[in-house]
Amino acid sequence: MIKSRPTSRRPCRTGTALIVLGPLIIGFGCIVSPPEPQEVWNAWEEGLSSPLGTIEAFRTALRGEILVAEYRCFSSDWKSRMGISQVGYREYRDSLLAESPHLIWALSRAKTRLEEGPGPNRATVWATFDGTWIDFSVRFQLLREAYMEVRAAGRRVVSEPLDQAATQVRHDPDQGLLFAWIPVEDLSPGQEVESFRLETEWRIDAIDLATGNE
C-alpha cells in the first residue's frame, strides 16, 4: 500500500526525479544511502539459505544497484515465465521502480514477516513500512530450488538449477555413499571436474505491490 498523506512534516527534502548523485540515491524526496561493503558482506554471508535471508540480500543489493546480485535472487521459474535474462533485467527493474517510485527507500526501512507456504518449498515474506507520509506493503513469494555449481579448469563452468527429473541418485548403505548422475552439457570430453557443490536456495518467485486506500 503506497499513498501520500497531506502533512507538513517531511522526512527528507523534496525532489522531482530519481537521480544518482555521488553516494546517495535521491528519488521523489527520499534519500537512500548505498550499503557499506561490510553490510553487503553480512547480507550475503547467509546468502539465500532462508526466505528472510533472501529478502535481506535482495534489498541490500537493490540499495547498491548491484544488478547481478538482484537478478540472482529470482527463481529460474520466474525468469522463464517473465522471459527476463540478466541483460533484460534492468528494463524490468526500471518498470518496477516506475510503478513504485518509493520502493527502494521504503523497502530499506521496512519490517519483514515470514509466512510459511503451503508446502516445504514455498514461503511468503511481507515487507511493510508505516511512515508519516507513506504506507508501504509488498509481498514476496519465494520458492526453494536446488542449484548446482561445477568448477573445472580453474573456472565455474556450470551454475544452474538442478534438473531433478534428469538426475539419478543411488544410495550405497554398505559404503555410506550417495551416487548421483547429473547431466552437464558445458563440460568438454575428458575435462576434469575440480569441485561440485549442490545446495538449495530460496529465490523470489513473485513480487506483489499492495495498493489501495485506507
N, C-alpha and C. Protein backbone atom coordinates (compact mmCIF):
# COMPACT_ATOMS: atom_id res chain seq x y z
N MET A 1 0.86 -1.18 0.00
CA MET A 1 0.00 0.00 0.00
C MET A 1 0.89 1.23 0.00
N ILE A 2 0.79 2.02 -1.01
CA ILE A 2 1.64 3.19 -1.15
C ILE A 2 0.75 4.38 -1.45
N LYS A 3 0.73 5.36 -0.55
CA LYS A 3 -0.12 6.52 -0.78
C LYS A 3 0.40 7.69 0.02
N SER A 4 0.20 8.87 -0.49
CA SER A 4 0.65 10.08 0.17
C SER A 4 -0.40 10.56 1.16
N ARG A 5 0.07 11.19 2.22
CA ARG A 5 -0.81 11.78 3.19
C ARG A 5 -0.51 13.27 3.28
N PRO A 6 -1.52 14.14 3.30
CA PRO A 6 -1.25 15.58 3.44
C PRO A 6 -0.70 15.88 4.82
N THR A 7 0.49 16.41 4.88
CA THR A 7 1.11 16.72 6.16
C THR A 7 2.22 17.72 5.91
N SER A 8 2.55 18.48 6.94
CA SER A 8 3.62 19.47 6.81
C SER A 8 4.97 18.88 7.17
N ARG A 9 4.96 17.67 7.73
CA ARG A 9 6.22 17.04 8.11
C ARG A 9 6.77 16.26 6.94
N ARG A 10 8.03 16.45 6.67
CA ARG A 10 8.68 15.73 5.60
C ARG A 10 9.99 15.15 6.13
N PRO A 11 10.21 13.84 5.97
CA PRO A 11 11.43 13.25 6.49
C PRO A 11 12.64 13.52 5.63
N CYS A 12 12.44 14.06 4.42
CA CYS A 12 13.57 14.34 3.56
C CYS A 12 13.19 15.43 2.58
N ARG A 13 14.18 16.01 1.96
CA ARG A 13 13.95 17.15 1.08
C ARG A 13 13.19 16.75 -0.17
N THR A 14 12.46 17.72 -0.70
CA THR A 14 11.65 17.46 -1.88
C THR A 14 12.53 17.32 -3.11
N GLY A 15 12.23 16.29 -3.90
CA GLY A 15 12.92 16.08 -5.17
C GLY A 15 11.89 15.89 -6.25
N THR A 16 12.33 15.87 -7.49
CA THR A 16 11.38 15.71 -8.59
C THR A 16 11.71 14.55 -9.50
N ALA A 17 12.83 13.91 -9.30
CA ALA A 17 13.17 12.81 -10.19
C ALA A 17 14.11 11.86 -9.47
N LEU A 18 14.24 10.68 -10.02
CA LEU A 18 15.15 9.70 -9.48
C LEU A 18 16.51 9.90 -10.13
N ILE A 19 17.50 10.27 -9.33
CA ILE A 19 18.83 10.51 -9.87
C ILE A 19 19.86 9.89 -8.97
N VAL A 20 21.03 9.69 -9.50
CA VAL A 20 22.16 9.23 -8.70
C VAL A 20 23.11 10.40 -8.55
N LEU A 21 23.40 10.75 -7.32
CA LEU A 21 24.25 11.91 -7.06
C LEU A 21 25.27 11.52 -6.01
N GLY A 22 26.50 11.33 -6.44
CA GLY A 22 27.54 10.92 -5.51
C GLY A 22 27.15 9.62 -4.84
N PRO A 23 27.28 9.55 -3.51
CA PRO A 23 26.99 8.30 -2.81
C PRO A 23 25.53 8.13 -2.46
N LEU A 24 24.64 9.04 -2.89
CA LEU A 24 23.24 8.98 -2.48
C LEU A 24 22.34 8.73 -3.67
N ILE A 25 21.25 8.03 -3.42
CA ILE A 25 20.19 7.87 -4.41
C ILE A 25 19.03 8.72 -3.95
N ILE A 26 18.60 9.67 -4.79
CA ILE A 26 17.55 10.60 -4.41
C ILE A 26 16.35 10.35 -5.30
N GLY A 27 15.21 10.11 -4.71
CA GLY A 27 14.03 9.85 -5.52
C GLY A 27 12.78 10.37 -4.86
N PHE A 28 12.14 11.35 -5.47
CA PHE A 28 10.87 11.89 -5.01
C PHE A 28 10.94 12.25 -3.52
N GLY A 29 12.00 12.93 -3.13
CA GLY A 29 12.11 13.39 -1.76
C GLY A 29 12.71 12.37 -0.82
N CYS A 30 13.13 11.21 -1.31
CA CYS A 30 13.63 10.15 -0.44
C CYS A 30 15.11 9.89 -0.73
N ILE A 31 15.92 9.89 0.31
CA ILE A 31 17.35 9.70 0.17
C ILE A 31 17.72 8.33 0.74
N VAL A 32 18.41 7.55 -0.05
CA VAL A 32 18.84 6.22 0.36
C VAL A 32 20.35 6.14 0.20
N SER A 33 21.04 5.87 1.28
CA SER A 33 22.48 5.69 1.21
C SER A 33 22.79 4.28 0.75
N PRO A 34 23.73 4.11 -0.16
CA PRO A 34 24.10 2.76 -0.59
C PRO A 34 24.74 2.00 0.56
N PRO A 35 24.65 0.68 0.58
CA PRO A 35 25.20 -0.10 1.69
C PRO A 35 26.72 -0.05 1.73
N GLU A 36 27.24 -0.11 2.94
CA GLU A 36 28.68 -0.22 3.11
C GLU A 36 29.13 -1.63 2.69
N PRO A 37 30.39 -1.79 2.29
CA PRO A 37 30.87 -3.12 1.88
C PRO A 37 30.62 -4.20 2.94
N GLN A 38 30.81 -3.86 4.22
CA GLN A 38 30.60 -4.84 5.27
C GLN A 38 29.12 -5.23 5.37
N GLU A 39 28.24 -4.27 5.12
CA GLU A 39 26.81 -4.56 5.14
C GLU A 39 26.43 -5.51 4.02
N VAL A 40 27.02 -5.31 2.85
CA VAL A 40 26.77 -6.22 1.73
C VAL A 40 27.28 -7.62 2.08
N TRP A 41 28.46 -7.67 2.67
CA TRP A 41 29.04 -8.96 3.06
C TRP A 41 28.15 -9.67 4.07
N ASN A 42 27.67 -8.94 5.07
CA ASN A 42 26.82 -9.54 6.10
C ASN A 42 25.52 -10.08 5.50
N ALA A 43 24.94 -9.32 4.57
CA ALA A 43 23.67 -9.73 3.96
C ALA A 43 23.84 -10.99 3.13
N TRP A 44 24.99 -11.12 2.47
CA TRP A 44 25.19 -12.27 1.59
C TRP A 44 25.92 -13.41 2.27
N GLU A 45 26.36 -13.21 3.52
CA GLU A 45 27.03 -14.29 4.23
C GLU A 45 26.06 -15.45 4.45
N GLU A 46 24.83 -15.11 4.83
CA GLU A 46 23.79 -16.14 4.93
C GLU A 46 23.33 -16.56 3.54
N GLY A 47 23.46 -15.64 2.61
CA GLY A 47 23.07 -15.95 1.24
C GLY A 47 21.58 -16.13 1.10
N LEU A 48 21.21 -17.11 0.29
CA LEU A 48 19.81 -17.35 0.00
C LEU A 48 19.33 -18.63 0.69
N SER A 49 19.88 -18.89 1.87
CA SER A 49 19.58 -20.14 2.57
C SER A 49 18.26 -20.11 3.33
N SER A 50 17.64 -18.94 3.46
CA SER A 50 16.36 -18.83 4.15
C SER A 50 15.53 -17.76 3.45
N PRO A 51 14.20 -17.79 3.57
CA PRO A 51 13.37 -16.77 2.93
C PRO A 51 13.71 -15.35 3.39
N LEU A 52 13.87 -15.16 4.69
CA LEU A 52 14.20 -13.82 5.19
C LEU A 52 15.60 -13.40 4.75
N GLY A 53 16.52 -14.37 4.69
CA GLY A 53 17.86 -14.06 4.23
C GLY A 53 17.88 -13.61 2.78
N THR A 54 17.04 -14.22 1.96
CA THR A 54 16.95 -13.83 0.55
C THR A 54 16.44 -12.40 0.40
N ILE A 55 15.41 -12.04 1.16
CA ILE A 55 14.87 -10.69 1.07
C ILE A 55 15.88 -9.67 1.58
N GLU A 56 16.62 -10.01 2.62
CA GLU A 56 17.64 -9.10 3.12
C GLU A 56 18.73 -8.90 2.07
N ALA A 57 19.15 -9.99 1.43
CA ALA A 57 20.16 -9.89 0.38
C ALA A 57 19.64 -9.07 -0.80
N PHE A 58 18.36 -9.27 -1.15
CA PHE A 58 17.78 -8.56 -2.29
C PHE A 58 17.69 -7.07 -2.03
N ARG A 59 17.19 -6.67 -0.86
CA ARG A 59 17.04 -5.23 -0.64
C ARG A 59 18.38 -4.55 -0.42
N THR A 60 19.38 -5.28 0.06
CA THR A 60 20.72 -4.72 0.16
C THR A 60 21.30 -4.49 -1.23
N ALA A 61 21.14 -5.47 -2.11
CA ALA A 61 21.61 -5.32 -3.49
C ALA A 61 20.85 -4.21 -4.21
N LEU A 62 19.55 -4.09 -3.91
CA LEU A 62 18.72 -3.05 -4.53
C LEU A 62 19.23 -1.66 -4.15
N ARG A 63 19.59 -1.47 -2.89
CA ARG A 63 20.11 -0.18 -2.45
C ARG A 63 21.42 0.16 -3.14
N GLY A 64 22.24 -0.84 -3.37
CA GLY A 64 23.53 -0.60 -4.00
C GLY A 64 23.50 -0.67 -5.51
N GLU A 65 22.31 -0.95 -6.08
CA GLU A 65 22.15 -1.11 -7.53
C GLU A 65 23.14 -2.15 -8.06
N ILE A 66 23.20 -3.28 -7.35
CA ILE A 66 24.04 -4.40 -7.76
C ILE A 66 23.16 -5.36 -8.55
N LEU A 67 23.01 -5.10 -9.84
CA LEU A 67 22.00 -5.79 -10.64
C LEU A 67 22.25 -7.29 -10.75
N VAL A 68 23.50 -7.70 -10.81
CA VAL A 68 23.81 -9.13 -10.90
C VAL A 68 23.30 -9.86 -9.66
N ALA A 69 23.52 -9.25 -8.49
CA ALA A 69 23.06 -9.86 -7.24
C ALA A 69 21.54 -9.83 -7.14
N GLU A 70 20.92 -8.74 -7.58
CA GLU A 70 19.46 -8.67 -7.58
C GLU A 70 18.87 -9.79 -8.43
N TYR A 71 19.40 -9.95 -9.61
CA TYR A 71 18.88 -10.94 -10.56
C TYR A 71 19.04 -12.35 -10.00
N ARG A 72 20.11 -12.59 -9.28
CA ARG A 72 20.34 -13.92 -8.71
C ARG A 72 19.28 -14.29 -7.69
N CYS A 73 18.63 -13.30 -7.09
CA CYS A 73 17.62 -13.56 -6.06
C CYS A 73 16.32 -14.12 -6.63
N PHE A 74 16.15 -14.10 -7.94
CA PHE A 74 14.90 -14.57 -8.55
C PHE A 74 15.02 -16.02 -8.99
N SER A 75 13.90 -16.73 -8.90
CA SER A 75 13.89 -18.16 -9.22
C SER A 75 14.00 -18.38 -10.73
N SER A 76 14.42 -19.58 -11.08
CA SER A 76 14.50 -19.92 -12.51
C SER A 76 13.10 -19.97 -13.12
N ASP A 77 12.11 -20.37 -12.33
CA ASP A 77 10.73 -20.38 -12.83
C ASP A 77 10.27 -18.96 -13.17
N TRP A 78 10.60 -18.01 -12.30
CA TRP A 78 10.22 -16.62 -12.54
C TRP A 78 10.90 -16.10 -13.81
N LYS A 79 12.18 -16.37 -13.96
CA LYS A 79 12.92 -15.90 -15.13
C LYS A 79 12.33 -16.49 -16.41
N SER A 80 11.91 -17.76 -16.34
CA SER A 80 11.33 -18.41 -17.51
C SER A 80 9.94 -17.83 -17.82
N ARG A 81 9.11 -17.66 -16.79
CA ARG A 81 7.77 -17.12 -17.00
C ARG A 81 7.80 -15.71 -17.55
N MET A 82 8.70 -14.88 -16.99
CA MET A 82 8.77 -13.48 -17.38
C MET A 82 9.59 -13.27 -18.65
N GLY A 83 10.37 -14.28 -19.03
CA GLY A 83 11.23 -14.14 -20.20
C GLY A 83 12.31 -13.09 -20.00
N ILE A 84 12.84 -13.02 -18.78
CA ILE A 84 13.82 -11.98 -18.45
C ILE A 84 15.19 -12.61 -18.24
N SER A 85 16.15 -12.15 -19.01
CA SER A 85 17.54 -12.59 -18.86
C SER A 85 18.29 -11.58 -18.00
N GLN A 86 19.55 -11.91 -17.73
CA GLN A 86 20.39 -10.98 -16.97
C GLN A 86 20.49 -9.64 -17.70
N VAL A 87 20.58 -9.69 -19.02
CA VAL A 87 20.70 -8.46 -19.81
C VAL A 87 19.42 -7.63 -19.74
N GLY A 88 18.27 -8.31 -19.77
CA GLY A 88 17.00 -7.60 -19.78
C GLY A 88 16.46 -7.24 -18.41
N TYR A 89 17.21 -7.59 -17.36
CA TYR A 89 16.69 -7.35 -16.01
C TYR A 89 16.54 -5.87 -15.70
N ARG A 90 17.44 -5.04 -16.20
CA ARG A 90 17.36 -3.60 -15.89
C ARG A 90 16.04 -3.01 -16.36
N GLU A 91 15.55 -3.44 -17.52
CA GLU A 91 14.28 -2.92 -18.01
C GLU A 91 13.15 -3.28 -17.05
N TYR A 92 13.16 -4.52 -16.55
CA TYR A 92 12.15 -4.92 -15.57
C TYR A 92 12.29 -4.09 -14.30
N ARG A 93 13.52 -3.90 -13.86
CA ARG A 93 13.79 -3.12 -12.65
C ARG A 93 13.27 -1.69 -12.80
N ASP A 94 13.53 -1.08 -13.94
CA ASP A 94 13.06 0.28 -14.19
C ASP A 94 11.54 0.37 -14.16
N SER A 95 10.87 -0.63 -14.72
CA SER A 95 9.40 -0.62 -14.72
C SER A 95 8.85 -0.81 -13.31
N LEU A 96 9.54 -1.61 -12.50
CA LEU A 96 9.12 -1.81 -11.12
C LEU A 96 9.24 -0.52 -10.32
N LEU A 97 10.33 0.21 -10.53
CA LEU A 97 10.53 1.48 -9.82
C LEU A 97 9.60 2.56 -10.36
N ALA A 98 9.22 2.48 -11.62
CA ALA A 98 8.26 3.44 -12.16
C ALA A 98 6.88 3.22 -11.54
N GLU A 99 6.55 1.96 -11.31
CA GLU A 99 5.27 1.63 -10.67
C GLU A 99 5.28 2.02 -9.20
N SER A 100 6.42 1.89 -8.56
CA SER A 100 6.54 2.21 -7.13
C SER A 100 7.82 3.02 -6.91
N PRO A 101 7.78 4.34 -7.14
CA PRO A 101 8.98 5.17 -7.04
C PRO A 101 9.65 5.14 -5.67
N HIS A 102 8.88 4.84 -4.62
CA HIS A 102 9.43 4.83 -3.27
C HIS A 102 9.95 3.46 -2.85
N LEU A 103 9.99 2.51 -3.76
CA LEU A 103 10.28 1.12 -3.40
C LEU A 103 11.60 0.96 -2.65
N ILE A 104 12.69 1.48 -3.21
CA ILE A 104 13.99 1.27 -2.58
C ILE A 104 14.04 1.92 -1.21
N TRP A 105 13.53 3.15 -1.13
CA TRP A 105 13.55 3.88 0.14
C TRP A 105 12.72 3.17 1.21
N ALA A 106 11.48 2.80 0.86
CA ALA A 106 10.60 2.17 1.83
C ALA A 106 11.06 0.76 2.19
N LEU A 107 11.53 0.01 1.19
CA LEU A 107 11.97 -1.35 1.45
C LEU A 107 13.18 -1.38 2.37
N SER A 108 14.04 -0.37 2.26
CA SER A 108 15.22 -0.32 3.13
C SER A 108 14.84 -0.09 4.59
N ARG A 109 13.64 0.43 4.83
CA ARG A 109 13.18 0.70 6.19
C ARG A 109 12.08 -0.26 6.65
N ALA A 110 11.67 -1.14 5.78
CA ALA A 110 10.51 -1.99 6.07
C ALA A 110 10.85 -3.10 7.07
N LYS A 111 9.84 -3.49 7.82
CA LYS A 111 9.92 -4.67 8.68
C LYS A 111 9.46 -5.88 7.86
N THR A 112 10.13 -7.00 8.07
CA THR A 112 9.79 -8.20 7.32
C THR A 112 9.15 -9.24 8.24
N ARG A 113 8.22 -9.97 7.66
CA ARG A 113 7.49 -11.00 8.42
C ARG A 113 7.33 -12.23 7.53
N LEU A 114 7.67 -13.40 8.09
CA LEU A 114 7.64 -14.64 7.33
C LEU A 114 6.33 -15.38 7.54
N GLU A 115 5.76 -15.87 6.43
CA GLU A 115 4.61 -16.77 6.47
C GLU A 115 5.02 -18.07 5.78
N GLU A 116 4.80 -19.18 6.47
CA GLU A 116 5.12 -20.47 5.87
C GLU A 116 4.19 -20.71 4.69
N GLY A 117 4.71 -21.39 3.67
CA GLY A 117 3.93 -21.65 2.48
C GLY A 117 3.08 -22.90 2.61
N PRO A 118 2.38 -23.25 1.53
CA PRO A 118 1.53 -24.45 1.56
C PRO A 118 2.33 -25.75 1.58
N GLY A 119 3.62 -25.67 1.35
CA GLY A 119 4.48 -26.85 1.37
C GLY A 119 5.87 -26.47 1.82
N PRO A 120 6.77 -27.44 1.93
CA PRO A 120 8.13 -27.15 2.43
C PRO A 120 8.97 -26.30 1.49
N ASN A 121 8.55 -26.17 0.23
CA ASN A 121 9.34 -25.43 -0.75
C ASN A 121 8.73 -24.09 -1.13
N ARG A 122 7.75 -23.64 -0.36
CA ARG A 122 7.10 -22.35 -0.62
C ARG A 122 7.06 -21.52 0.65
N ALA A 123 7.20 -20.22 0.49
CA ALA A 123 7.11 -19.31 1.63
C ALA A 123 6.73 -17.93 1.13
N THR A 124 6.20 -17.12 2.04
CA THR A 124 5.83 -15.74 1.73
C THR A 124 6.47 -14.82 2.76
N VAL A 125 7.05 -13.74 2.29
CA VAL A 125 7.62 -12.72 3.18
C VAL A 125 6.91 -11.40 2.89
N TRP A 126 6.36 -10.81 3.94
CA TRP A 126 5.76 -9.48 3.84
C TRP A 126 6.77 -8.44 4.31
N ALA A 127 6.92 -7.38 3.54
CA ALA A 127 7.74 -6.23 3.94
C ALA A 127 6.81 -5.03 4.06
N THR A 128 6.71 -4.46 5.25
CA THR A 128 5.76 -3.36 5.48
C THR A 128 6.46 -2.18 6.14
N PHE A 129 6.01 -1.00 5.76
CA PHE A 129 6.53 0.24 6.35
C PHE A 129 5.37 1.20 6.51
N ASP A 130 5.18 1.71 7.72
CA ASP A 130 4.11 2.66 8.01
C ASP A 130 4.76 3.94 8.50
N GLY A 131 4.92 4.89 7.60
CA GLY A 131 5.60 6.14 7.93
C GLY A 131 4.65 7.30 8.07
N THR A 132 5.22 8.48 8.21
CA THR A 132 4.43 9.69 8.40
C THR A 132 3.62 10.04 7.16
N TRP A 133 4.21 9.86 6.00
CA TRP A 133 3.52 10.28 4.78
C TRP A 133 3.42 9.19 3.72
N ILE A 134 3.79 7.97 4.09
CA ILE A 134 3.69 6.87 3.13
C ILE A 134 3.46 5.55 3.86
N ASP A 135 2.52 4.77 3.35
CA ASP A 135 2.31 3.40 3.78
C ASP A 135 2.79 2.49 2.66
N PHE A 136 3.53 1.46 3.03
CA PHE A 136 4.15 0.61 2.02
C PHE A 136 3.96 -0.84 2.42
N SER A 137 3.60 -1.67 1.46
CA SER A 137 3.45 -3.10 1.71
C SER A 137 3.76 -3.86 0.43
N VAL A 138 4.62 -4.84 0.53
CA VAL A 138 4.94 -5.67 -0.63
C VAL A 138 5.03 -7.12 -0.17
N ARG A 139 4.50 -7.99 -1.01
CA ARG A 139 4.52 -9.42 -0.70
C ARG A 139 5.48 -10.13 -1.65
N PHE A 140 6.43 -10.83 -1.06
CA PHE A 140 7.37 -11.65 -1.82
C PHE A 140 6.96 -13.11 -1.68
N GLN A 141 6.74 -13.77 -2.79
CA GLN A 141 6.51 -15.21 -2.77
C GLN A 141 7.82 -15.89 -3.18
N LEU A 142 8.25 -16.84 -2.36
CA LEU A 142 9.55 -17.46 -2.56
C LEU A 142 9.42 -18.95 -2.82
N LEU A 143 10.36 -19.46 -3.58
CA LEU A 143 10.41 -20.87 -3.96
C LEU A 143 11.80 -21.40 -3.64
N ARG A 144 11.84 -22.57 -3.02
CA ARG A 144 13.14 -23.19 -2.73
C ARG A 144 13.52 -24.09 -3.90
N GLU A 145 14.69 -23.82 -4.45
CA GLU A 145 15.17 -24.56 -5.61
C GLU A 145 16.53 -25.19 -5.31
N ALA A 146 16.80 -26.32 -5.95
CA ALA A 146 18.11 -26.96 -5.84
C ALA A 146 19.01 -26.43 -6.95
N TYR A 147 20.19 -26.00 -6.56
CA TYR A 147 21.16 -25.46 -7.52
C TYR A 147 22.46 -26.24 -7.44
N MET A 148 23.14 -26.32 -8.57
CA MET A 148 24.44 -26.97 -8.58
C MET A 148 25.48 -26.04 -9.20
N GLU A 149 26.70 -26.20 -8.74
CA GLU A 149 27.83 -25.43 -9.28
C GLU A 149 28.97 -26.39 -9.54
N VAL A 150 29.52 -26.33 -10.74
CA VAL A 150 30.64 -27.18 -11.13
C VAL A 150 31.79 -26.30 -11.58
N ARG A 151 32.98 -26.60 -11.06
CA ARG A 151 34.19 -25.88 -11.47
C ARG A 151 35.14 -26.86 -12.13
N ALA A 152 35.72 -26.42 -13.24
CA ALA A 152 36.69 -27.22 -13.98
C ALA A 152 37.65 -26.28 -14.68
N ALA A 153 38.89 -26.72 -14.80
CA ALA A 153 39.93 -25.91 -15.47
C ALA A 153 40.04 -24.53 -14.85
N GLY A 154 39.87 -24.45 -13.55
CA GLY A 154 40.05 -23.19 -12.84
C GLY A 154 38.93 -22.19 -13.00
N ARG A 155 37.79 -22.61 -13.52
CA ARG A 155 36.68 -21.68 -13.69
C ARG A 155 35.36 -22.38 -13.42
N ARG A 156 34.34 -21.59 -13.20
CA ARG A 156 33.00 -22.13 -12.98
C ARG A 156 32.36 -22.39 -14.34
N VAL A 157 32.07 -23.64 -14.62
CA VAL A 157 31.52 -24.00 -15.93
C VAL A 157 30.01 -24.21 -15.87
N VAL A 158 29.48 -24.49 -14.70
CA VAL A 158 28.04 -24.69 -14.54
C VAL A 158 27.58 -24.03 -13.26
N SER A 159 26.53 -23.25 -13.35
CA SER A 159 25.86 -22.69 -12.17
C SER A 159 24.40 -22.51 -12.56
N GLU A 160 23.59 -23.49 -12.24
CA GLU A 160 22.22 -23.50 -12.73
C GLU A 160 21.34 -24.37 -11.85
N PRO A 161 20.02 -24.24 -12.00
CA PRO A 161 19.12 -25.10 -11.23
C PRO A 161 19.34 -26.56 -11.58
N LEU A 162 19.16 -27.42 -10.60
CA LEU A 162 19.32 -28.86 -10.81
C LEU A 162 18.07 -29.42 -11.47
N ASP A 163 18.26 -30.11 -12.58
CA ASP A 163 17.15 -30.78 -13.26
C ASP A 163 16.89 -32.10 -12.53
N GLN A 164 15.98 -32.04 -11.57
CA GLN A 164 15.75 -33.21 -10.74
C GLN A 164 15.14 -34.37 -11.52
N ALA A 165 14.38 -34.06 -12.58
CA ALA A 165 13.78 -35.12 -13.38
C ALA A 165 14.84 -35.92 -14.13
N ALA A 166 15.95 -35.27 -14.50
CA ALA A 166 17.00 -35.94 -15.27
C ALA A 166 18.12 -36.47 -14.39
N THR A 167 18.02 -36.28 -13.09
CA THR A 167 19.08 -36.69 -12.16
C THR A 167 18.75 -38.06 -11.56
N GLN A 168 19.73 -38.94 -11.58
CA GLN A 168 19.56 -40.26 -10.98
C GLN A 168 20.41 -40.33 -9.71
N VAL A 169 19.82 -40.84 -8.66
CA VAL A 169 20.51 -40.93 -7.38
C VAL A 169 20.44 -42.37 -6.87
N ARG A 170 21.58 -42.87 -6.38
CA ARG A 170 21.62 -44.21 -5.80
C ARG A 170 22.38 -44.17 -4.49
N HIS A 171 21.80 -44.79 -3.48
CA HIS A 171 22.42 -44.82 -2.16
C HIS A 171 23.04 -46.19 -1.93
N ASP A 172 24.31 -46.20 -1.54
CA ASP A 172 25.01 -47.44 -1.20
C ASP A 172 25.22 -47.46 0.31
N PRO A 173 24.32 -48.12 1.07
CA PRO A 173 24.43 -48.09 2.53
C PRO A 173 25.65 -48.82 3.05
N ASP A 174 26.15 -49.82 2.30
CA ASP A 174 27.32 -50.57 2.76
C ASP A 174 28.56 -49.68 2.80
N GLN A 175 28.71 -48.83 1.80
CA GLN A 175 29.87 -47.93 1.76
C GLN A 175 29.57 -46.56 2.37
N GLY A 176 28.30 -46.31 2.67
CA GLY A 176 27.93 -45.00 3.21
C GLY A 176 28.08 -43.89 2.19
N LEU A 177 27.79 -44.21 0.93
CA LEU A 177 27.97 -43.24 -0.15
C LEU A 177 26.65 -42.99 -0.87
N LEU A 178 26.55 -41.81 -1.43
CA LEU A 178 25.40 -41.43 -2.25
C LEU A 178 25.93 -41.07 -3.63
N PHE A 179 25.47 -41.78 -4.65
CA PHE A 179 25.92 -41.55 -6.01
C PHE A 179 24.83 -40.79 -6.78
N ALA A 180 25.25 -39.80 -7.56
CA ALA A 180 24.30 -39.03 -8.36
C ALA A 180 24.83 -38.90 -9.78
N TRP A 181 23.96 -39.16 -10.75
CA TRP A 181 24.29 -38.99 -12.16
C TRP A 181 23.54 -37.76 -12.65
N ILE A 182 24.30 -36.70 -12.93
CA ILE A 182 23.70 -35.41 -13.28
C ILE A 182 24.18 -35.01 -14.66
N PRO A 183 23.27 -34.79 -15.60
CA PRO A 183 23.70 -34.37 -16.95
C PRO A 183 24.25 -32.95 -16.94
N VAL A 184 25.43 -32.77 -17.51
CA VAL A 184 26.06 -31.46 -17.61
C VAL A 184 26.52 -31.27 -19.05
N GLU A 185 26.03 -30.23 -19.70
CA GLU A 185 26.31 -30.04 -21.13
C GLU A 185 27.57 -29.24 -21.39
N ASP A 186 28.03 -28.44 -20.42
CA ASP A 186 29.10 -27.48 -20.70
C ASP A 186 30.50 -28.03 -20.42
N LEU A 187 30.63 -29.33 -20.15
CA LEU A 187 31.94 -29.91 -19.92
C LEU A 187 32.47 -30.54 -21.20
N SER A 188 33.76 -30.30 -21.47
CA SER A 188 34.40 -30.90 -22.64
C SER A 188 34.77 -32.35 -22.30
N PRO A 189 34.82 -33.22 -23.31
CA PRO A 189 35.22 -34.61 -23.05
C PRO A 189 36.59 -34.68 -22.40
N GLY A 190 36.67 -35.45 -21.33
CA GLY A 190 37.94 -35.60 -20.62
C GLY A 190 38.27 -34.47 -19.67
N GLN A 191 37.45 -33.46 -19.60
CA GLN A 191 37.72 -32.33 -18.71
C GLN A 191 37.48 -32.76 -17.26
N GLU A 192 38.45 -32.54 -16.42
CA GLU A 192 38.37 -32.99 -15.03
C GLU A 192 37.59 -31.98 -14.18
N VAL A 193 36.65 -32.49 -13.42
CA VAL A 193 35.88 -31.65 -12.51
C VAL A 193 36.68 -31.43 -11.23
N GLU A 194 36.89 -30.17 -10.88
CA GLU A 194 37.67 -29.84 -9.69
C GLU A 194 36.81 -29.78 -8.43
N SER A 195 35.59 -29.28 -8.59
CA SER A 195 34.70 -29.20 -7.43
C SER A 195 33.25 -29.23 -7.90
N PHE A 196 32.41 -29.73 -7.01
CA PHE A 196 30.98 -29.81 -7.29
C PHE A 196 30.24 -29.41 -6.01
N ARG A 197 29.30 -28.51 -6.16
CA ARG A 197 28.53 -28.06 -4.99
C ARG A 197 27.05 -28.13 -5.32
N LEU A 198 26.32 -28.72 -4.40
CA LEU A 198 24.87 -28.83 -4.55
C LEU A 198 24.22 -28.23 -3.31
N GLU A 199 23.30 -27.31 -3.50
CA GLU A 199 22.64 -26.67 -2.37
C GLU A 199 21.24 -26.23 -2.76
N THR A 200 20.44 -25.98 -1.75
CA THR A 200 19.11 -25.42 -2.00
C THR A 200 19.12 -23.95 -1.63
N GLU A 201 18.46 -23.16 -2.44
CA GLU A 201 18.40 -21.72 -2.21
C GLU A 201 16.97 -21.24 -2.33
N TRP A 202 16.62 -20.26 -1.52
CA TRP A 202 15.31 -19.64 -1.60
C TRP A 202 15.39 -18.47 -2.57
N ARG A 203 14.55 -18.52 -3.60
CA ARG A 203 14.55 -17.48 -4.63
C ARG A 203 13.17 -16.83 -4.71
N ILE A 204 13.15 -15.57 -5.11
CA ILE A 204 11.90 -14.83 -5.27
C ILE A 204 11.17 -15.34 -6.51
N ASP A 205 9.92 -15.75 -6.33
CA ASP A 205 9.13 -16.28 -7.44
C ASP A 205 8.04 -15.31 -7.89
N ALA A 206 7.75 -14.30 -7.07
CA ALA A 206 6.76 -13.28 -7.44
C ALA A 206 6.88 -12.11 -6.48
N ILE A 207 6.61 -10.91 -6.99
CA ILE A 207 6.56 -9.69 -6.18
C ILE A 207 5.21 -9.03 -6.42
N ASP A 208 4.48 -8.80 -5.33
CA ASP A 208 3.17 -8.15 -5.42
C ASP A 208 3.20 -6.86 -4.61
N LEU A 209 3.04 -5.74 -5.29
CA LEU A 209 2.96 -4.45 -4.62
C LEU A 209 1.51 -4.21 -4.25
N ALA A 210 1.24 -4.07 -2.95
CA ALA A 210 -0.13 -3.85 -2.50
C ALA A 210 -0.52 -2.40 -2.69
N THR A 211 -1.70 -2.17 -3.23
CA THR A 211 -2.21 -0.82 -3.40
C THR A 211 -3.63 -0.77 -2.88
N GLY A 212 -4.08 0.43 -2.56
CA GLY A 212 -5.43 0.58 -2.05
C GLY A 212 -5.54 1.80 -1.18
N ASN A 213 -6.68 2.03 -0.62
CA ASN A 213 -6.93 3.17 0.24
C ASN A 213 -7.31 2.70 1.63
N GLU A 214 -6.98 3.52 2.61
CA GLU A 214 -7.37 3.21 3.97
C GLU A 214 -8.86 3.42 4.13
